[in-house]
N, C-alpha and C. Protein backbone atom coordinates (compact mmCIF):
# COMPACT_ATOMS: atom_id res chain seq x y z
N MET A 1 108.44 81.02 51.97
CA MET A 1 109.57 80.60 52.75
C MET A 1 110.63 79.93 51.87
N TYR A 2 110.20 78.97 51.06
CA TYR A 2 111.15 78.30 50.18
C TYR A 2 111.72 79.25 49.14
N THR A 3 110.92 80.23 48.77
CA THR A 3 111.37 81.21 47.79
C THR A 3 112.56 81.98 48.33
N ASP A 4 112.51 82.35 49.60
CA ASP A 4 113.63 83.08 50.20
C ASP A 4 114.88 82.21 50.30
N ILE A 5 114.68 80.96 50.59
CA ILE A 5 115.83 80.05 50.69
C ILE A 5 116.52 79.93 49.33
N PHE A 6 115.72 79.73 48.28
CA PHE A 6 116.29 79.61 46.95
C PHE A 6 116.91 80.92 46.49
N LYS A 7 116.29 82.04 46.85
CA LYS A 7 116.85 83.34 46.48
C LYS A 7 118.17 83.57 47.18
N ASN A 8 118.25 83.26 48.45
CA ASN A 8 119.50 83.39 49.20
C ASN A 8 120.59 82.48 48.64
N PHE A 9 120.20 81.25 48.32
CA PHE A 9 121.15 80.31 47.74
C PHE A 9 121.66 80.82 46.40
N ASN A 10 120.75 81.34 45.59
CA ASN A 10 121.11 81.87 44.28
C ASN A 10 122.04 83.07 44.43
N ASP A 11 121.75 83.96 45.37
CA ASP A 11 122.60 85.14 45.59
C ASP A 11 123.99 84.72 46.06
N GLN A 12 124.05 83.77 46.98
CA GLN A 12 125.34 83.29 47.47
C GLN A 12 126.16 82.63 46.35
N THR A 13 125.48 81.85 45.54
CA THR A 13 126.16 81.19 44.43
C THR A 13 126.71 82.22 43.45
N GLU A 14 125.92 83.24 43.17
CA GLU A 14 126.37 84.28 42.25
C GLU A 14 127.56 85.05 42.82
N LYS A 15 127.52 85.34 44.11
CA LYS A 15 128.65 86.04 44.74
C LYS A 15 129.91 85.18 44.72
N THR A 16 129.73 83.89 44.93
CA THR A 16 130.88 82.99 45.00
C THR A 16 131.47 82.72 43.62
N PHE A 17 130.61 82.39 42.67
CA PHE A 17 131.11 81.95 41.36
C PHE A 17 131.07 83.04 40.29
N GLY A 18 130.47 84.18 40.58
CA GLY A 18 130.39 85.27 39.61
C GLY A 18 131.75 85.73 39.11
N PRO A 19 132.69 86.03 40.01
CA PRO A 19 134.02 86.46 39.53
C PRO A 19 134.74 85.38 38.72
N MET A 20 134.56 84.12 39.11
CA MET A 20 135.20 83.03 38.37
C MET A 20 134.60 82.93 36.97
N LEU A 21 133.30 83.11 36.87
CA LEU A 21 132.63 83.07 35.57
C LEU A 21 133.13 84.20 34.68
N LYS A 22 133.25 85.40 35.24
CA LYS A 22 133.75 86.54 34.46
C LYS A 22 135.18 86.30 34.01
N TYR A 23 136.00 85.73 34.90
CA TYR A 23 137.38 85.43 34.53
C TYR A 23 137.42 84.41 33.40
N ASN A 24 136.63 83.36 33.52
CA ASN A 24 136.59 82.33 32.47
C ASN A 24 136.13 82.91 31.14
N GLN A 25 135.16 83.81 31.17
CA GLN A 25 134.70 84.45 29.94
C GLN A 25 135.80 85.31 29.33
N LEU A 26 136.54 86.02 30.16
CA LEU A 26 137.65 86.85 29.68
C LEU A 26 138.74 85.98 29.05
N VAL A 27 139.09 84.89 29.71
CA VAL A 27 140.11 83.99 29.18
C VAL A 27 139.64 83.35 27.87
N ALA A 28 138.39 82.95 27.80
CA ALA A 28 137.86 82.33 26.58
C ALA A 28 137.87 83.33 25.42
N LYS A 29 137.50 84.58 25.70
CA LYS A 29 137.52 85.60 24.64
C LYS A 29 138.94 85.85 24.17
N ASN A 30 139.88 85.94 25.12
CA ASN A 30 141.28 86.16 24.75
C ASN A 30 141.83 84.99 23.94
N PHE A 31 141.49 83.78 24.34
CA PHE A 31 141.95 82.60 23.62
C PHE A 31 141.38 82.58 22.20
N THR A 32 140.11 82.94 22.07
CA THR A 32 139.48 82.99 20.76
C THR A 32 140.15 84.04 19.88
N ASP A 33 140.40 85.22 20.43
CA ASP A 33 141.04 86.28 19.67
C ASP A 33 142.46 85.90 19.25
N LEU A 34 143.21 85.27 20.15
CA LEU A 34 144.56 84.83 19.82
C LEU A 34 144.55 83.76 18.74
N THR A 35 143.62 82.83 18.84
CA THR A 35 143.51 81.78 17.84
C THR A 35 143.19 82.36 16.48
N ASN A 36 142.24 83.30 16.44
CA ASN A 36 141.89 83.93 15.17
C ASN A 36 143.07 84.70 14.59
N LEU A 37 143.83 85.38 15.43
CA LEU A 37 145.01 86.10 14.98
C LEU A 37 146.03 85.14 14.38
N GLN A 38 146.26 84.03 15.06
CA GLN A 38 147.22 83.05 14.56
C GLN A 38 146.76 82.41 13.25
N LEU A 39 145.49 82.10 13.15
CA LEU A 39 144.98 81.50 11.92
C LEU A 39 145.09 82.47 10.75
N GLU A 40 144.76 83.73 10.99
CA GLU A 40 144.85 84.74 9.95
C GLU A 40 146.31 84.95 9.53
N ALA A 41 147.21 85.00 10.50
CA ALA A 41 148.63 85.16 10.18
C ALA A 41 149.15 83.96 9.39
N ALA A 42 148.77 82.77 9.79
CA ALA A 42 149.20 81.56 9.08
C ALA A 42 148.70 81.58 7.65
N ARG A 43 147.46 82.01 7.45
CA ARG A 43 146.91 82.09 6.09
C ARG A 43 147.68 83.09 5.25
N GLN A 44 147.97 84.26 5.83
CA GLN A 44 148.68 85.29 5.08
C GLN A 44 150.10 84.85 4.73
N TYR A 45 150.79 84.24 5.69
CA TYR A 45 152.16 83.78 5.41
C TYR A 45 152.16 82.63 4.42
N ALA A 46 151.16 81.77 4.48
CA ALA A 46 151.05 80.69 3.50
C ALA A 46 150.81 81.26 2.11
N ASP A 47 149.95 82.27 2.01
CA ASP A 47 149.72 82.92 0.72
C ASP A 47 151.01 83.52 0.16
N ILE A 48 151.78 84.15 1.02
CA ILE A 48 153.05 84.74 0.59
C ILE A 48 154.00 83.64 0.10
N GLY A 49 154.09 82.58 0.87
CA GLY A 49 154.97 81.48 0.49
C GLY A 49 154.56 80.82 -0.81
N LEU A 50 153.26 80.62 -0.99
CA LEU A 50 152.78 80.02 -2.23
C LEU A 50 153.03 80.93 -3.43
N ALA A 51 152.87 82.24 -3.22
CA ALA A 51 153.14 83.19 -4.30
C ALA A 51 154.62 83.15 -4.68
N GLN A 52 155.49 83.02 -3.68
CA GLN A 52 156.93 82.91 -3.97
C GLN A 52 157.24 81.63 -4.72
N LEU A 53 156.63 80.54 -4.31
CA LEU A 53 156.84 79.27 -4.99
C LEU A 53 156.40 79.37 -6.45
N GLN A 54 155.28 79.99 -6.67
CA GLN A 54 154.77 80.18 -8.03
C GLN A 54 155.72 81.06 -8.84
N ALA A 55 156.20 82.15 -8.23
CA ALA A 55 157.12 83.06 -8.93
C ALA A 55 158.43 82.34 -9.26
N ASN A 56 158.93 81.54 -8.33
CA ASN A 56 160.19 80.83 -8.57
C ASN A 56 160.05 79.77 -9.67
N SER A 57 158.86 79.23 -9.80
CA SER A 57 158.66 78.22 -10.84
C SER A 57 158.61 78.83 -12.23
N GLN A 58 158.48 80.15 -12.31
CA GLN A 58 158.42 80.84 -13.61
C GLN A 58 159.80 81.25 -14.12
N VAL A 59 160.85 80.99 -13.36
CA VAL A 59 162.21 81.38 -13.77
C VAL A 59 162.65 80.46 -14.91
N LYS A 60 162.96 81.10 -16.07
CA LYS A 60 163.36 80.33 -17.25
C LYS A 60 164.70 80.78 -17.80
N ASP A 61 165.05 82.03 -17.52
CA ASP A 61 166.31 82.57 -18.04
C ASP A 61 166.86 83.59 -17.06
N VAL A 62 167.94 84.25 -17.44
CA VAL A 62 168.60 85.19 -16.55
C VAL A 62 167.70 86.39 -16.25
N GLN A 63 167.02 86.89 -17.27
CA GLN A 63 166.15 88.05 -17.07
C GLN A 63 165.02 87.72 -16.10
N SER A 64 164.41 86.58 -16.24
CA SER A 64 163.33 86.20 -15.31
C SER A 64 163.89 85.94 -13.91
N LEU A 65 165.16 85.51 -13.82
CA LEU A 65 165.80 85.33 -12.53
C LEU A 65 166.01 86.68 -11.83
N VAL A 66 166.41 87.68 -12.59
CA VAL A 66 166.59 89.02 -12.03
C VAL A 66 165.24 89.58 -11.55
N ILE A 67 164.22 89.40 -12.34
CA ILE A 67 162.88 89.86 -11.98
C ILE A 67 162.41 89.14 -10.71
N CYS A 68 162.66 87.84 -10.66
CA CYS A 68 162.27 87.06 -9.48
C CYS A 68 163.02 87.55 -8.24
N GLY A 69 164.30 87.88 -8.41
CA GLY A 69 165.08 88.40 -7.28
C GLY A 69 164.52 89.71 -6.76
N SER A 70 164.11 90.59 -7.66
CA SER A 70 163.53 91.86 -7.21
C SER A 70 162.18 91.63 -6.53
N LYS A 71 161.43 90.67 -7.02
CA LYS A 71 160.16 90.35 -6.38
C LYS A 71 160.38 89.77 -4.98
N GLN A 72 161.48 89.05 -4.80
CA GLN A 72 161.77 88.51 -3.48
C GLN A 72 162.08 89.62 -2.50
N LEU A 73 162.74 90.69 -2.96
CA LEU A 73 162.97 91.84 -2.09
C LEU A 73 161.65 92.49 -1.68
N GLU A 74 160.74 92.61 -2.64
CA GLU A 74 159.41 93.15 -2.33
C GLU A 74 158.69 92.24 -1.33
N THR A 75 158.84 90.96 -1.52
CA THR A 75 158.20 90.00 -0.62
C THR A 75 158.77 90.11 0.79
N MET A 76 160.07 90.28 0.90
CA MET A 76 160.69 90.44 2.22
C MET A 76 160.16 91.69 2.91
N ASN A 77 159.99 92.77 2.16
CA ASN A 77 159.40 93.98 2.73
C ASN A 77 157.97 93.72 3.19
N ARG A 78 157.24 92.98 2.39
CA ARG A 78 155.85 92.65 2.74
C ARG A 78 155.79 91.79 4.00
N ILE A 79 156.70 90.84 4.09
CA ILE A 79 156.74 89.97 5.28
C ILE A 79 157.10 90.78 6.52
N SER A 80 158.08 91.67 6.39
CA SER A 80 158.47 92.46 7.57
C SER A 80 157.33 93.37 8.00
N GLN A 81 156.60 93.96 7.06
CA GLN A 81 155.43 94.79 7.41
C GLN A 81 154.36 93.94 8.08
N GLN A 82 154.15 92.74 7.55
CA GLN A 82 153.14 91.85 8.13
C GLN A 82 153.53 91.45 9.55
N MET A 83 154.80 91.22 9.79
CA MET A 83 155.25 90.85 11.13
C MET A 83 155.06 92.02 12.10
N ILE A 84 155.31 93.23 11.64
CA ILE A 84 155.10 94.41 12.49
C ILE A 84 153.63 94.55 12.83
N GLU A 85 152.76 94.40 11.83
CA GLU A 85 151.32 94.49 12.06
C GLU A 85 150.85 93.39 13.02
N ASP A 86 151.35 92.18 12.84
CA ASP A 86 150.96 91.08 13.73
C ASP A 86 151.43 91.35 15.15
N GLY A 87 152.61 91.91 15.30
CA GLY A 87 153.11 92.26 16.63
C GLY A 87 152.24 93.30 17.30
N LYS A 88 151.80 94.29 16.53
CA LYS A 88 150.92 95.33 17.07
C LYS A 88 149.59 94.74 17.50
N LYS A 89 149.03 93.85 16.68
CA LYS A 89 147.76 93.21 17.02
C LYS A 89 147.90 92.38 18.29
N LEU A 90 149.02 91.67 18.40
CA LEU A 90 149.26 90.86 19.58
C LEU A 90 149.40 91.73 20.83
N ALA A 91 150.08 92.85 20.69
CA ALA A 91 150.23 93.77 21.82
C ALA A 91 148.87 94.34 22.23
N GLU A 92 148.02 94.65 21.25
CA GLU A 92 146.67 95.15 21.56
C GLU A 92 145.86 94.10 22.31
N LEU A 93 145.94 92.85 21.86
CA LEU A 93 145.22 91.78 22.56
C LEU A 93 145.72 91.61 23.99
N ALA A 94 147.02 91.69 24.16
CA ALA A 94 147.59 91.56 25.51
C ALA A 94 147.13 92.71 26.39
N GLN A 95 147.07 93.92 25.84
CA GLN A 95 146.63 95.08 26.61
C GLN A 95 145.15 94.96 26.98
N GLU A 96 144.33 94.48 26.04
CA GLU A 96 142.91 94.27 26.33
C GLU A 96 142.74 93.25 27.46
N PHE A 97 143.51 92.18 27.40
CA PHE A 97 143.42 91.15 28.44
C PHE A 97 143.85 91.71 29.79
N LYS A 98 144.92 92.47 29.79
CA LYS A 98 145.42 93.08 31.03
C LYS A 98 144.37 94.03 31.60
N THR A 99 143.77 94.84 30.75
CA THR A 99 142.75 95.78 31.19
C THR A 99 141.55 95.03 31.77
N GLY A 100 141.17 93.94 31.11
CA GLY A 100 140.06 93.13 31.61
C GLY A 100 140.36 92.51 32.97
N LEU A 101 141.59 92.02 33.14
CA LEU A 101 141.98 91.46 34.44
C LEU A 101 142.00 92.52 35.52
N GLU A 102 142.49 93.70 35.19
CA GLU A 102 142.51 94.79 36.16
C GLU A 102 141.08 95.18 36.56
N ALA A 103 140.18 95.21 35.58
CA ALA A 103 138.78 95.52 35.89
C ALA A 103 138.16 94.46 36.80
N LEU A 104 138.47 93.20 36.54
CA LEU A 104 137.97 92.12 37.40
C LEU A 104 138.52 92.24 38.82
N ALA A 105 139.80 92.56 38.91
CA ALA A 105 140.42 92.70 40.24
C ALA A 105 139.82 93.88 40.99
N ALA A 106 139.60 94.99 40.29
CA ALA A 106 139.00 96.17 40.94
C ALA A 106 137.57 95.87 41.39
N ASP A 107 136.85 95.13 40.55
CA ASP A 107 135.47 94.77 40.91
C ASP A 107 135.45 93.82 42.11
N ALA A 108 136.40 92.92 42.17
CA ALA A 108 136.47 91.98 43.29
C ALA A 108 136.83 92.72 44.59
N GLN A 109 137.65 93.75 44.50
CA GLN A 109 138.03 94.49 45.70
C GLN A 109 136.86 95.32 46.23
N LYS A 110 135.98 95.78 45.34
CA LYS A 110 134.82 96.56 45.77
C LYS A 110 133.86 95.71 46.58
N LYS A 111 133.80 94.43 46.23
CA LYS A 111 132.84 93.55 46.92
C LYS A 111 133.49 93.03 48.14
């Protein structure tokens, strides 16, 4: 008798809080992925900035200034490529989150 009561209570609790738990898991995963993306981007941009600082500190004459200027153009290309890649990764994460939310909504409508 008590087993049925606990089983019914457990089933009701799962029905009530199951969708909320799935939503929280989806949000936590998305937050983790976004944080990792931001940390990786920050590291890469910091590496680029430090490399530029190092290159600028090596300027001693006109020839090294010209070389440094050409390296800065290469760096700008690298930064623009990195920004495009970061934008694509961010769009993928947003699409994954949207797909997950749609799946949760569809699952909630079935029940």
